[in-house]
Amino acid sequence: MGLNPRSWFSRKTLRHDLVAGLTLGVESVPDGLAQGLLSGLNPLAGLYGHLFGMVGAAVFTSSALMTVQVTGAMALIVSDAGLETLADPDRALYTLTVMSGILLIVAGLLGAGRLVRFVPTAVMTGFVTAVGVNIVLGQLSNFTGYAAQGGNRISKTIDLGLHIVQWSIPALVVGAITVLIIVLLQNTRVGALGLVVAVVVGSIAAVMLDLWVRTPVILLRDLVDVPGSLPAPVLPSLDDVVYLALPAISLAFVAMVQGAGVSAAIPSQGKPADTSRNFIGQGAGNILSGLFRGMPVGGSSSGSTLVATAGARTRLVYFVAGAVMALVILLASDLVAYIAMPALAGLLIVVGVTAVKPSRVYSVIRSGPLQTVVMAVTFVLTLLIPLQFAVLAGVGLGIILFVAQQSNRVRVRRVVFADDGRMREIDPPRRIPAHEIVVLQPYGSLFFASAPTFERQLPEVTPESTRSVVIVRLRGVDEVGLSFVEVLRRYARDLRAVDSGLKLVVSEARVIRQLEAGGLRDEMGEANLYRGSEWVGAALRRAYDDARDELRAEPDEGPREGPREA
C-alpha cells in the first residue's frame, strides 16, 4: 500500500532505487523547464510541477512505479487556457493546478476508474497524435528565434514559413545541436541522461555564440529570475475559479486517461493497478504542485518507463529524484539560468515527434471507416481549437462512437425447435408466413438507439401474415428503453391487424416493469407475457406450446406450426 511508509523502500533494491532516482532527478530538471516553456507561461512552473507533483503523488498512488509529472498534453491545455488574459497569470496557473487535483480526487473517490475504459482508441489516437504535432508546431518559434504571429499554432507556423529571412541563425544552431545529440544518444547506454547532455551542450553553444554574434540566443534568465531556493507556498485565487472550470475539467480528464494507460502498463507489485486510487494520487500531486507554484501534472509514460528501465522497484525512487531536483535548485540555480530556450525547444520537438505513432494510426484505419473518421475529426479539432474544447469534443465523439457501435450490434435470430427437443438458430424470414409460429431471439444492447436497428430486422407483417404467432424471447436482457417498447407495441398492433398475435418471454423483473411502464403489458394481455426462470428454455417452450394450441384451435385451415427439424 502506498500509504504504508514501510513499502516505500527495500534494502534488497536500495542501490537500484538510488541510481534510478538520481537519473530521474537529473533528467527532470531540463524536462520540467521544457514543459513549462511549452505552457507559454513561467518555465519554472514546469520544474516545480515535476518536483512537487511527483513527490506528492508517490505517497498515494496504487502503482509504485507510476511517475506523475507535467505531460505535453497538459502543458498544451494550459497554453490554450488563456491565463495570460487574467490579472495574475501565475497565480491563476497555481489555482488551475489545485482545481484539477480536487477534481481528480473526487473522481477517484467516486470510483471513476471503471469509466476510463469507455474512451475509444480512435479518439485517444487522434488526440495523442495531434498533441505531438502541436508540441512540434508550438516550439518552432523558440527553435528558430522568430516570434511568429497568429491565432493558433497552424497560422503561426504559416507566418513562420513566410518570414524565413528573420529566423535567428544562432538559435537554429543551438536547437539543431540539441536535437542531433538527443538522436545520437537515445539508443546508447546514456539513455535518458542524453536529454540532459543535449540541453547542457546546446546551452554551452548558446553562451559561446553570444560572445561574437549581435543577435543573442534567449536564455532562461532572460525570461525569469531563477531563485536559489525552493518556492514558498501560495494559496489559490478564488476569483479565477469560474473562468478556470472548463480547463480544469479537461486537465482532470486527460490526467485520468493518461494515468490509466501508464498504470496499466506498469502494475503495482505484479497486481492489477487500482485506477481510481491512482486518480487520488494524481490529485494529491496536483494539489501539492499548485500550492508550491507548479503546473498541473499527470501520469507520465516516459518517466515511468525511465525508472522501470533503470531498475527501480519501490517508491523511494521518487523521493530520491525529488531530493536531487531540490539540490539542483538550491546549489546550481546560477547554472540553470543559462539554459538556452532553443535547446529546450529542440528537446520538446523530439518529444513531439516521438509521440506520433504511425503504427497506432494505421491500426485504427484498419479497424474501419467509422473509427477512422472519429480519429481524423479528433485530430483536426485538436489542431485547430483550444485543447480544453478539443478534449471535451473528443469525449463527445467517444460517446457517439460507443452508442453507434452498440446500436449496430443488435442481431435478430429465429429459434427453431427440432423433433428431439433441441433448438437451433437460423436467419429470420423476410415476412411472417400465414398460420405459423415464429420465435425471434434478439442479441445485443436493446437501448433507445438500437431500437430502429431491431425494428428493421423484424420480419415484415403483410396482409398474408394471418393466423400466426410471433414469440420474442428476451432472455438475458436486463433493461430495455421506451423506444424499444414502442417498437414492440407497433409490431403487436400490426400483427393484430391481420389476426395474428405477439407473445413475449422475459427473464428479468426489471424488464417486465419497463414493459408495464410503456403500456405494452396491458395492451398484449397478461396471458401473452411469460416470465422466465432458472430453467433455460422452459418459459419459451410454454409460450410455444400455447401458440401451437391456439393454432390447432383454428377451424378454417389445418394446424401449421413453425418449422421443425427431423
Protein backbone atom coordinates (compact mmCIF):
# COMPACT_ATOMS: atom_id res chain seq x y z
CA MET A 1 0.00 0.00 0.00
CA GLY A 2 1.34 3.46 -0.89
CA LEU A 3 0.25 4.95 2.45
CA ASN A 4 2.44 2.50 4.37
CA PRO A 5 5.94 4.01 4.71
CA ARG A 6 7.41 0.52 5.09
CA SER A 7 6.55 -0.15 1.46
CA TRP A 8 8.43 2.92 0.24
CA PHE A 9 11.83 1.21 0.13
CA SER A 10 13.54 -2.14 0.32
CA ARG A 11 17.10 -2.90 1.35
CA LYS A 12 17.33 -5.50 -1.39
CA THR A 13 16.66 -2.94 -4.13
CA LEU A 14 18.17 0.13 -2.45
CA ARG A 15 21.05 0.53 -4.94
CA HIS A 16 18.75 0.27 -7.98
CA ASP A 17 16.29 2.74 -6.49
CA LEU A 18 19.06 5.25 -5.73
CA VAL A 19 20.51 5.04 -9.23
CA ALA A 20 17.08 5.34 -10.84
CA GLY A 21 16.17 8.26 -8.57
CA LEU A 22 19.41 10.08 -9.42
CA THR A 23 18.77 9.55 -13.15
CA LEU A 24 15.15 10.72 -12.95
CA GLY A 25 16.03 13.75 -10.80
CA VAL A 26 18.75 15.00 -13.13
CA GLU A 27 16.66 14.35 -16.26
CA SER A 28 13.60 16.06 -14.76
CA VAL A 29 15.30 19.46 -14.48
CA PRO A 30 15.54 20.22 -18.23
CA ASP A 31 12.37 18.25 -18.93
CA GLY A 32 10.38 20.21 -16.35
CA LEU A 33 11.67 23.52 -17.70
CA ALA A 34 10.79 22.41 -21.23
CA GLN A 35 7.21 21.56 -20.23
CA GLY A 36 6.93 24.92 -18.52
CA LEU A 37 8.15 26.58 -21.70
CA LEU A 38 5.54 24.63 -23.67
CA SER A 39 2.78 26.06 -21.48
CA GLY A 40 3.70 29.59 -22.60
CA LEU A 41 3.99 30.81 -19.00
CA ASN A 42 6.76 30.62 -16.41
CA PRO A 43 9.15 27.73 -17.26
CA LEU A 44 9.90 27.37 -13.55
CA ALA A 45 6.30 26.25 -13.01
CA GLY A 46 7.10 23.12 -15.03
CA LEU A 47 10.18 22.49 -12.90
CA TYR A 48 8.20 22.84 -9.67
CA GLY A 49 5.40 20.73 -11.08
CA HIS A 50 7.84 17.91 -11.81
CA LEU A 51 9.28 18.12 -8.30
CA PHE A 52 6.24 18.54 -6.05
CA GLY A 53 3.74 16.72 -8.25
CA MET A 54 5.98 13.67 -8.42
CA VAL A 55 6.62 13.51 -4.67
CA GLY A 56 3.03 14.30 -3.67
CA ALA A 57 1.58 11.60 -5.92
CA ALA A 58 4.09 8.94 -4.88
CA VAL A 59 2.52 8.71 -1.42
CA PHE A 60 -0.97 7.82 -2.65
CA THR A 61 -0.78 6.02 -6.00
CA SER A 62 -1.57 2.33 -6.31
CA SER A 63 1.23 1.73 -8.81
CA ALA A 64 4.60 2.02 -7.08
CA LEU A 65 6.44 2.96 -10.28
CA MET A 66 3.87 5.36 -11.72
CA THR A 67 5.68 8.64 -12.39
CA VAL A 68 3.46 11.72 -12.08
CA GLN A 69 4.88 14.82 -13.76
CA VAL A 70 3.91 17.54 -16.22
CA THR A 71 3.00 16.00 -19.58
CA GLY A 72 2.94 17.57 -23.02
CA ALA A 73 -0.83 17.29 -23.35
CA MET A 74 -1.42 19.03 -20.02
CA ALA A 75 1.09 21.77 -20.84
CA LEU A 76 -0.73 22.42 -24.12
CA ILE A 77 -4.09 22.69 -22.35
CA VAL A 78 -2.54 25.27 -20.02
CA SER A 79 -1.14 27.09 -23.05
CA ASP A 80 -4.61 27.27 -24.64
CA ALA A 81 -6.43 28.23 -21.43
CA GLY A 82 -5.82 31.97 -21.90
CA LEU A 83 -4.34 32.52 -18.44
CA GLU A 84 -2.29 35.45 -19.74
CA THR A 85 -5.51 37.46 -20.00
CA LEU A 86 -6.10 37.28 -16.24
CA ALA A 87 -4.84 39.80 -13.71
CA ASP A 88 -2.28 37.40 -12.21
CA PRO A 89 -1.46 34.63 -14.73
CA ASP A 90 0.99 32.85 -12.44
CA ARG A 91 -1.44 32.61 -9.55
CA ALA A 92 -4.22 31.57 -11.94
CA LEU A 93 -1.94 28.71 -13.05
CA TYR A 94 -1.46 27.56 -9.47
CA THR A 95 -5.21 27.79 -8.90
CA LEU A 96 -5.86 25.73 -12.03
CA THR A 97 -3.46 23.07 -10.78
CA VAL A 98 -5.19 22.81 -7.41
CA MET A 99 -8.64 22.67 -9.04
CA SER A 100 -7.50 19.84 -11.29
CA GLY A 101 -6.22 18.00 -8.24
CA ILE A 102 -9.52 18.36 -6.42
CA LEU A 103 -11.45 17.04 -9.43
CA LEU A 104 -9.12 14.05 -9.69
CA ILE A 105 -9.54 13.18 -6.02
CA VAL A 106 -13.32 13.42 -6.31
CA ALA A 107 -13.22 11.19 -9.40
CA GLY A 108 -11.07 8.66 -7.55
CA LEU A 109 -13.35 8.60 -4.51
CA LEU A 110 -16.38 8.07 -6.79
CA GLY A 111 -14.66 5.10 -8.45
CA ALA A 112 -14.42 6.73 -11.88
CA GLY A 113 -11.58 4.41 -12.87
CA ARG A 114 -14.03 1.95 -14.37
CA LEU A 115 -15.31 4.65 -16.76
CA VAL A 116 -11.97 5.33 -18.45
CA ARG A 117 -12.19 2.13 -20.49
CA PHE A 118 -15.08 3.66 -22.43
CA VAL A 119 -12.76 6.18 -24.12
CA PRO A 120 -12.32 4.77 -27.66
CA THR A 121 -8.88 4.07 -29.02
CA ALA A 122 -9.74 6.12 -32.12
CA VAL A 123 -10.34 9.24 -30.01
CA MET A 124 -7.16 8.84 -27.98
CA THR A 125 -5.05 8.07 -31.06
CA GLY A 126 -6.29 11.20 -32.81
CA PHE A 127 -5.78 13.28 -29.68
CA VAL A 128 -2.28 12.00 -28.86
CA THR A 129 -1.14 12.32 -32.47
CA ALA A 130 -2.39 15.90 -32.64
CA VAL A 131 -0.73 16.67 -29.31
CA GLY A 132 2.59 15.50 -30.75
CA VAL A 133 2.11 17.72 -33.81
CA ASN A 134 1.06 20.63 -31.58
CA ILE A 135 4.18 20.26 -29.45
CA VAL A 136 6.37 20.49 -32.54
CA LEU A 137 4.47 23.44 -34.03
CA GLY A 138 4.35 25.23 -30.68
CA GLN A 139 8.14 25.20 -30.34
CA LEU A 140 9.12 26.33 -33.82
CA SER A 141 9.26 29.97 -32.69
CA ASN A 142 11.66 29.16 -29.84
CA PHE A 143 13.63 26.87 -32.13
CA THR A 144 14.04 29.47 -34.89
CA GLY A 145 14.20 32.58 -32.72
CA TYR A 146 11.36 34.26 -34.65
CA ALA A 147 8.23 35.34 -32.74
CA ALA A 148 5.53 34.10 -35.11
CA GLN A 149 2.12 35.79 -35.18
CA GLY A 150 -1.27 34.11 -35.49
CA GLY A 151 -4.41 32.98 -33.73
CA ASN A 152 -3.35 29.33 -33.38
CA ARG A 153 -0.35 27.11 -33.99
CA ILE A 154 -1.25 26.46 -37.62
CA SER A 155 -1.42 30.15 -38.50
CA LYS A 156 1.76 30.82 -36.55
CA THR A 157 3.52 28.09 -38.49
CA ILE A 158 2.38 29.63 -41.78
CA ASP A 159 3.64 33.05 -40.62
CA LEU A 160 6.90 31.39 -39.63
CA GLY A 161 7.32 29.97 -43.12
CA LEU A 162 6.66 33.38 -44.69
CA HIS A 163 9.45 35.02 -42.68
CA ILE A 164 12.36 32.62 -43.07
CA VAL A 165 14.78 35.50 -43.55
CA GLN A 166 14.01 36.67 -40.00
CA TRP A 167 14.99 33.39 -38.39
CA SER A 168 17.88 33.52 -35.95
CA ILE A 169 20.88 31.55 -37.15
CA PRO A 170 22.36 31.17 -33.61
CA ALA A 171 19.02 29.86 -32.29
CA LEU A 172 18.81 27.37 -35.16
CA VAL A 173 22.35 26.18 -34.48
CA VAL A 174 21.64 25.65 -30.78
CA GLY A 175 18.38 23.83 -31.47
CA ALA A 176 19.95 21.65 -34.16
CA ILE A 177 22.86 20.69 -31.89
CA THR A 178 20.41 19.68 -29.14
CA VAL A 179 18.26 17.56 -31.45
CA LEU A 180 21.31 15.88 -33.01
CA ILE A 181 22.77 14.89 -29.64
CA ILE A 182 19.43 13.52 -28.40
CA VAL A 183 19.05 11.40 -31.52
CA LEU A 184 22.63 10.11 -31.29
CA LEU A 185 22.45 9.23 -27.58
CA GLN A 186 18.89 7.97 -27.16
CA ASN A 187 19.73 4.36 -28.04
CA THR A 188 23.04 4.24 -26.15
CA ARG A 189 23.83 3.43 -22.54
CA VAL A 190 23.47 7.10 -21.70
CA GLY A 191 19.71 6.66 -22.17
CA ALA A 192 17.52 9.36 -20.63
CA LEU A 193 20.57 11.31 -19.47
CA GLY A 194 21.14 12.05 -23.13
CA LEU A 195 18.44 14.71 -22.79
CA VAL A 196 20.47 16.39 -20.06
CA VAL A 197 23.70 16.15 -22.07
CA ALA A 198 21.98 17.59 -25.14
CA VAL A 199 20.49 20.56 -23.28
CA VAL A 200 23.78 21.28 -21.49
CA VAL A 201 25.83 21.15 -24.71
CA GLY A 202 23.24 23.22 -26.55
CA SER A 203 23.24 25.83 -23.79
CA ILE A 204 27.04 25.98 -23.77
CA ALA A 205 26.93 26.54 -27.52
CA ALA A 206 24.42 29.36 -26.96
CA VAL A 207 26.66 31.09 -24.43
CA MET A 208 29.66 30.81 -26.77
CA LEU A 209 27.66 32.15 -29.74
CA ASP A 210 26.55 35.12 -27.64
CA LEU A 211 30.19 36.16 -27.37
CA TRP A 212 30.50 37.08 -31.07
CA VAL A 213 27.01 37.47 -32.60
CA ARG A 214 24.77 40.52 -32.46
CA THR A 215 21.56 38.51 -32.01
CA PRO A 216 21.91 36.69 -28.69
CA VAL A 217 20.23 33.38 -28.02
CA ILE A 218 17.45 33.69 -25.43
CA LEU A 219 18.36 32.05 -22.14
CA LEU A 220 16.18 31.13 -19.17
CA ARG A 221 17.50 34.07 -17.18
CA ASP A 222 16.22 36.41 -19.90
CA LEU A 223 12.66 35.29 -19.20
CA VAL A 224 12.52 34.74 -15.43
CA ASP A 225 14.63 35.19 -12.34
CA VAL A 226 15.89 31.76 -11.27
CA PRO A 227 15.89 31.73 -7.46
CA GLY A 228 18.38 29.73 -5.46
CA SER A 229 15.69 28.47 -3.10
CA LEU A 230 12.60 26.34 -3.15
CA PRO A 231 9.31 28.18 -3.76
CA ALA A 232 7.19 29.39 -0.87
CA PRO A 233 3.62 28.05 -0.79
CA VAL A 234 0.84 30.21 -2.23
CA LEU A 235 -2.93 29.97 -1.82
CA PRO A 236 -5.19 29.65 -4.85
CA SER A 237 -7.19 32.62 -6.15
CA LEU A 238 -10.94 32.15 -5.67
CA ASP A 239 -11.67 34.97 -8.13
CA ASP A 240 -10.49 32.81 -11.05
CA VAL A 241 -12.39 29.62 -10.21
CA VAL A 242 -15.29 30.15 -12.65
CA TYR A 243 -13.00 31.06 -15.56
CA LEU A 244 -10.77 28.05 -14.88
CA ALA A 245 -13.56 25.47 -14.50
CA LEU A 246 -13.50 24.22 -18.11
CA PRO A 247 -9.72 23.84 -18.46
CA ALA A 248 -9.64 22.18 -15.01
CA ILE A 249 -12.17 19.58 -16.17
CA SER A 250 -10.17 18.99 -19.36
CA LEU A 251 -6.93 18.62 -17.41
CA ALA A 252 -8.52 16.17 -14.99
CA PHE A 253 -9.90 14.08 -17.86
CA VAL A 254 -6.54 13.96 -19.67
CA ALA A 255 -4.80 13.03 -16.41
CA MET A 256 -7.29 10.22 -15.82
CA VAL A 257 -6.88 8.74 -19.29
CA GLN A 258 -3.09 9.09 -19.39
CA GLY A 259 -2.76 7.84 -15.82
CA ALA A 260 -4.91 4.79 -16.54
CA GLY A 261 -2.73 3.93 -19.52
CA VAL A 262 0.51 4.34 -17.57
CA SER A 263 -0.68 2.36 -14.53
CA ALA A 264 -1.98 -0.45 -16.72
CA ALA A 265 1.42 -0.78 -18.38
CA ILE A 266 3.32 -0.70 -15.07
CA PRO A 267 1.33 -2.68 -12.45
CA SER A 268 1.88 -2.36 -8.72
CA GLN A 269 3.92 -5.28 -7.34
CA GLY A 270 2.61 -7.61 -10.02
CA LYS A 271 -1.04 -6.90 -9.21
CA PRO A 272 -3.52 -5.02 -11.39
CA ALA A 273 -3.41 -1.32 -10.60
CA ASP A 274 -6.28 0.38 -8.77
CA THR A 275 -7.09 3.04 -11.36
CA SER A 276 -9.36 5.04 -9.06
CA ARG A 277 -6.72 5.17 -6.37
CA ASN A 278 -4.21 6.37 -8.94
CA PHE A 279 -6.64 9.23 -9.65
CA ILE A 280 -6.40 10.15 -5.98
CA GLY A 281 -2.60 10.01 -6.16
CA GLN A 282 -2.52 12.28 -9.20
CA GLY A 283 -4.95 14.62 -7.44
CA ALA A 284 -2.67 14.83 -4.40
CA GLY A 285 0.28 15.54 -6.69
CA ASN A 286 -1.62 18.37 -8.37
CA ILE A 287 -2.66 19.96 -5.10
CA LEU A 288 0.90 19.90 -3.75
CA SER A 289 2.23 21.17 -7.08
CA GLY A 290 -0.28 24.05 -7.14
CA LEU A 291 0.42 25.06 -3.56
CA PHE A 292 4.14 25.26 -4.40
CA ARG A 293 3.75 27.23 -7.65
CA GLY A 294 3.77 24.27 -10.02
CA MET A 295 1.84 23.25 -13.13
CA PRO A 296 -0.81 20.52 -13.47
CA VAL A 297 0.65 17.00 -13.52
CA GLY A 298 -0.46 13.55 -14.60
CA GLY A 299 0.82 10.06 -15.28
CA SER A 300 3.97 10.27 -17.39
CA SER A 301 4.70 7.35 -19.67
CA SER A 302 8.27 8.45 -20.37
CA GLY A 303 9.06 8.98 -16.68
CA SER A 304 7.57 5.65 -15.67
CA THR A 305 9.48 3.85 -18.41
CA LEU A 306 12.69 5.58 -17.32
CA VAL A 307 12.53 4.41 -13.69
CA ALA A 308 11.42 0.91 -14.66
CA THR A 309 14.27 0.58 -17.17
CA ALA A 310 16.74 1.89 -14.58
CA GLY A 311 15.78 -0.99 -12.27
CA ALA A 312 13.70 0.85 -9.67
CA ARG A 313 11.41 -1.28 -7.52
CA THR A 314 9.95 0.97 -4.82
CA ARG A 315 8.60 4.48 -4.26
CA LEU A 316 11.96 5.52 -2.84
CA VAL A 317 12.97 6.40 -6.42
CA TYR A 318 10.64 9.43 -6.39
CA PHE A 319 11.84 10.79 -3.07
CA VAL A 320 15.43 10.44 -4.26
CA ALA A 321 14.56 12.18 -7.54
CA GLY A 322 12.81 14.96 -5.62
CA ALA A 323 15.85 15.42 -3.40
CA VAL A 324 18.14 15.59 -6.44
CA MET A 325 15.92 18.23 -8.08
CA ALA A 326 15.83 20.23 -4.85
CA LEU A 327 19.63 20.16 -4.61
CA VAL A 328 19.96 21.35 -8.22
CA ILE A 329 17.61 24.26 -7.48
CA LEU A 330 19.41 25.16 -4.26
CA LEU A 331 23.00 24.71 -5.40
CA ALA A 332 23.03 25.16 -9.17
CA SER A 333 20.41 27.82 -9.87
CA ASP A 334 23.03 30.10 -11.42
CA LEU A 335 23.89 27.40 -13.96
CA VAL A 336 20.23 26.54 -14.61
CA ALA A 337 19.65 30.20 -15.52
CA TYR A 338 21.94 29.74 -18.55
CA ILE A 339 19.80 27.03 -20.14
CA ALA A 340 19.00 28.11 -23.70
CA MET A 341 15.42 28.26 -24.88
CA PRO A 342 16.23 26.80 -28.34
CA ALA A 343 17.80 23.82 -26.55
CA LEU A 344 14.59 23.22 -24.58
CA ALA A 345 12.62 23.71 -27.80
CA GLY A 346 14.76 21.07 -29.51
CA LEU A 347 14.09 18.67 -26.63
CA LEU A 348 10.33 19.25 -26.96
CA ILE A 349 10.40 18.81 -30.73
CA VAL A 350 11.96 15.37 -30.25
CA VAL A 351 9.31 14.56 -27.64
CA GLY A 352 6.56 15.69 -30.02
CA VAL A 353 7.88 13.66 -32.93
CA THR A 354 8.18 10.50 -30.82
CA ALA A 355 4.58 10.98 -29.60
CA VAL A 356 3.31 10.38 -33.15
CA LYS A 357 2.90 6.62 -33.59
CA PRO A 358 2.19 5.73 -37.25
CA SER A 359 1.53 2.09 -36.29
CA ARG A 360 -1.34 3.13 -33.99
CA VAL A 361 -2.80 5.38 -36.65
CA TYR A 362 -2.63 2.55 -39.17
CA SER A 363 -4.30 0.10 -36.77
CA VAL A 364 -7.22 2.49 -36.28
CA ILE A 365 -7.55 2.94 -40.06
CA ARG A 366 -7.68 -0.84 -40.47
CA SER A 367 -10.42 -1.14 -37.82
CA GLY A 368 -13.00 0.54 -40.07
CA PRO A 369 -14.23 3.81 -41.62
CA LEU A 370 -16.19 4.93 -38.54
CA GLN A 371 -13.17 4.74 -36.26
CA THR A 372 -11.03 6.42 -38.92
CA VAL A 373 -13.44 9.35 -39.20
CA VAL A 374 -13.58 9.75 -35.41
CA MET A 375 -9.78 9.72 -35.21
CA ALA A 376 -9.48 12.26 -38.05
CA VAL A 377 -12.09 14.60 -36.56
CA THR A 378 -10.40 14.46 -33.14
CA PHE A 379 -7.03 15.14 -34.77
CA VAL A 380 -8.27 18.17 -36.72
CA LEU A 381 -10.17 19.63 -33.76
CA THR A 382 -7.12 19.27 -31.50
CA LEU A 383 -5.03 21.14 -34.05
CA LEU A 384 -7.47 23.98 -34.72
CA ILE A 385 -9.27 24.73 -31.45
CA PRO A 386 -8.05 25.20 -27.88
CA LEU A 387 -7.27 21.86 -26.29
CA GLN A 388 -9.76 22.21 -23.44
CA PHE A 389 -12.54 22.27 -26.04
CA ALA A 390 -10.90 19.57 -28.13
CA VAL A 391 -10.74 17.24 -25.13
CA LEU A 392 -14.46 17.66 -24.43
CA ALA A 393 -15.23 17.25 -28.12
CA GLY A 394 -13.24 14.02 -28.07
CA VAL A 395 -15.27 12.79 -25.10
CA GLY A 396 -18.47 13.57 -27.01
CA LEU A 397 -17.17 11.73 -30.08
CA GLY A 398 -16.31 8.78 -27.88
CA ILE A 399 -19.85 8.64 -26.54
CA ILE A 400 -21.30 8.89 -30.05
CA LEU A 401 -18.96 6.17 -31.29
CA PHE A 402 -19.92 3.88 -28.40
CA VAL A 403 -23.64 4.42 -28.98
CA ALA A 404 -23.25 3.89 -32.73
CA GLN A 405 -21.29 0.68 -32.25
CA GLN A 406 -23.68 -0.73 -29.68
CA SER A 407 -26.79 0.15 -31.70
CA ASN A 408 -25.40 -1.57 -34.80
CA ARG A 409 -24.56 -4.78 -32.93
CA VAL A 410 -28.18 -5.79 -32.46
CA ARG A 411 -28.96 -9.02 -34.30
CA VAL A 412 -32.23 -10.91 -34.54
CA ARG A 413 -32.22 -14.70 -34.99
CA ARG A 414 -35.03 -17.24 -35.38
CA VAL A 415 -35.23 -20.17 -32.96
CA VAL A 416 -36.35 -23.47 -34.49
CA PHE A 417 -37.43 -26.49 -32.42
CA ALA A 418 -36.25 -29.92 -33.56
CA ASP A 419 -38.35 -33.07 -33.04
CA ASP A 420 -35.95 -34.29 -30.35
CA GLY A 421 -36.41 -31.08 -28.34
CA ARG A 422 -33.21 -29.31 -29.32
CA MET A 423 -33.24 -25.69 -30.51
CA ARG A 424 -31.39 -24.26 -33.48
CA GLU A 425 -30.94 -20.67 -34.60
CA ILE A 426 -31.35 -19.61 -38.22
CA ASP A 427 -31.91 -16.35 -40.08
CA PRO A 428 -35.42 -14.96 -39.59
CA PRO A 429 -37.82 -14.90 -42.59
CA ARG A 430 -38.26 -11.65 -44.50
CA ARG A 431 -42.05 -11.83 -43.96
CA ILE A 432 -44.27 -13.53 -41.39
CA PRO A 433 -45.91 -16.54 -43.11
CA ALA A 434 -49.55 -17.42 -42.53
CA HIS A 435 -50.53 -19.94 -39.83
CA GLU A 436 -47.01 -20.27 -38.44
CA ILE A 437 -45.14 -19.85 -35.15
CA VAL A 438 -42.07 -17.63 -35.48
CA VAL A 439 -39.72 -17.46 -32.46
CA LEU A 440 -37.32 -14.49 -32.53
CA GLN A 441 -34.25 -14.06 -30.33
CA PRO A 442 -32.57 -10.60 -30.35
CA TYR A 443 -28.93 -10.22 -29.31
CA GLY A 444 -27.17 -7.02 -28.28
CA SER A 445 -27.93 -3.99 -26.18
CA LEU A 446 -31.60 -3.09 -26.60
CA PHE A 447 -31.41 0.57 -25.59
CA PHE A 448 -33.04 3.57 -27.26
CA ALA A 449 -30.50 3.99 -30.07
CA SER A 450 -30.68 0.31 -31.06
CA ALA A 451 -34.50 0.25 -31.36
CA PRO A 452 -34.52 1.26 -35.07
CA THR A 453 -31.90 -1.41 -35.84
CA PHE A 454 -34.01 -4.03 -34.07
CA GLU A 455 -37.16 -2.90 -35.87
CA ARG A 456 -35.50 -3.14 -39.30
CA GLN A 457 -34.59 -6.78 -38.63
CA LEU A 458 -38.09 -7.87 -37.63
CA PRO A 459 -39.91 -9.94 -40.29
CA GLU A 460 -42.40 -7.81 -42.17
CA VAL A 461 -46.10 -8.22 -41.36
CA THR A 462 -48.12 -8.39 -44.61
CA PRO A 463 -51.84 -8.98 -45.36
CA GLU A 464 -50.89 -12.64 -45.92
CA SER A 465 -49.45 -12.97 -42.39
CA THR A 466 -52.76 -14.19 -40.97
CA ARG A 467 -53.38 -16.54 -38.06
CA SER A 468 -49.71 -16.58 -36.98
CA VAL A 469 -47.95 -16.14 -33.64
CA VAL A 470 -44.65 -14.32 -33.13
CA ILE A 471 -42.73 -15.06 -29.91
CA VAL A 472 -39.96 -12.59 -28.96
CA ARG A 473 -37.58 -14.07 -26.41
CA LEU A 474 -35.81 -11.52 -24.20
CA ARG A 475 -33.74 -13.87 -22.08
CA GLY A 476 -30.54 -12.25 -20.83
CA VAL A 477 -31.88 -8.75 -21.46
CA ASP A 478 -31.86 -6.78 -18.20
CA GLU A 479 -33.07 -3.42 -19.49
CA VAL A 480 -35.00 -2.02 -22.45
CA GLY A 481 -35.81 1.59 -23.27
CA LEU A 482 -39.18 3.08 -24.01
CA SER A 483 -38.19 3.35 -27.67
CA PHE A 484 -37.79 -0.44 -27.77
CA VAL A 485 -41.15 -0.91 -26.02
CA GLU A 486 -42.79 1.35 -28.60
CA VAL A 487 -41.33 -0.82 -31.41
CA LEU A 488 -42.94 -3.89 -29.81
CA ARG A 489 -46.25 -2.05 -29.46
CA ARG A 490 -46.28 -1.16 -33.14
CA TYR A 491 -45.37 -4.72 -34.07
CA ALA A 492 -48.13 -6.10 -31.86
CA ARG A 493 -50.69 -3.77 -33.48
CA ASP A 494 -49.54 -4.80 -36.97
CA LEU A 495 -49.94 -8.46 -36.04
CA ARG A 496 -53.40 -7.91 -34.56
CA ALA A 497 -54.47 -6.15 -37.75
CA VAL A 498 -54.01 -9.41 -39.67
CA ASP A 499 -55.49 -11.59 -36.91
CA SER A 500 -52.09 -12.71 -35.59
CA GLY A 501 -50.53 -12.28 -32.16
CA LEU A 502 -47.36 -11.42 -30.24
CA LYS A 503 -46.00 -13.20 -27.17
CA LEU A 504 -43.02 -12.14 -25.05
CA VAL A 505 -40.72 -14.32 -22.95
CA VAL A 506 -38.92 -12.18 -20.37
CA SER A 507 -36.40 -13.34 -17.76
CA GLU A 508 -35.87 -10.14 -15.73
CA ALA A 509 -38.39 -8.44 -13.43
CA ARG A 510 -36.91 -5.06 -14.34
CA VAL A 511 -37.81 -5.57 -18.00
CA ILE A 512 -41.36 -6.54 -17.05
CA ARG A 513 -41.70 -3.30 -15.09
CA GLN A 514 -40.45 -1.35 -18.09
CA LEU A 515 -42.97 -3.10 -20.33
CA GLU A 516 -45.67 -2.14 -17.83
CA ALA A 517 -44.45 1.47 -17.79
CA GLY A 518 -44.69 1.57 -21.58
CA GLY A 519 -48.24 0.14 -21.52
CA LEU A 520 -47.29 -2.96 -23.51
CA ARG A 521 -48.26 -5.50 -20.86
CA ASP A 522 -51.83 -4.21 -20.64
CA GLU A 523 -52.09 -3.97 -24.42
CA MET A 524 -50.86 -7.52 -25.01
CA GLY A 525 -52.67 -9.12 -22.11
CA GLU A 526 -51.21 -10.98 -19.14
CA ALA A 527 -51.56 -14.36 -20.89
CA ASN A 528 -49.11 -13.35 -23.63
CA LEU A 529 -46.27 -12.40 -21.24
CA TYR A 530 -44.17 -15.29 -19.95
CA ARG A 531 -41.70 -14.95 -17.09
CA GLY A 532 -38.50 -16.96 -17.45
CA SER A 533 -36.92 -18.96 -14.64
CA GLU A 534 -33.64 -20.64 -13.83
CA TRP A 535 -34.66 -23.46 -16.17
CA VAL A 536 -33.32 -22.38 -19.54
CA GLY A 537 -35.92 -22.67 -22.28
CA ALA A 538 -38.83 -23.70 -20.03
CA ALA A 539 -40.79 -20.44 -20.43
CA LEU A 540 -40.12 -20.38 -24.16
CA ARG A 541 -41.48 -23.91 -24.53
CA ARG A 542 -44.63 -22.95 -22.58
CA ALA A 543 -45.15 -20.00 -24.90
CA TYR A 544 -44.53 -22.22 -27.94
CA ASP A 545 -46.93 -24.91 -26.71
CA ASP A 546 -49.63 -22.29 -26.03
CA ALA A 547 -49.14 -20.82 -29.51
CA ARG A 548 -49.37 -24.30 -31.03
CA ASP A 549 -52.63 -24.96 -29.15
CA GLU A 550 -54.03 -21.67 -30.42
CA LEU A 551 -53.19 -22.57 -33.99
CA ARG A 552 -54.70 -26.06 -33.62
CA ALA A 553 -57.92 -24.44 -32.48
CA GLU A 554 -58.22 -22.64 -35.83
CA PRO A 555 -61.27 -24.10 -37.65
CA ASP A 556 -60.65 -22.92 -41.17
CA GLU A 557 -57.27 -24.34 -42.10
CA GLY A 558 -55.34 -27.22 -40.63
CA PRO A 559 -52.82 -26.51 -37.91
CA ARG A 560 -49.47 -25.30 -39.15
CA GLU A 561 -46.60 -24.86 -36.74
CA GLY A 562 -43.23 -23.22 -37.18
CA PRO A 563 -40.54 -25.21 -38.98
CA ARG A 564 -39.28 -28.24 -37.12
CA GLU A 565 -36.26 -30.40 -37.72
CA ALA A 566 -36.12 -34.10 -38.12
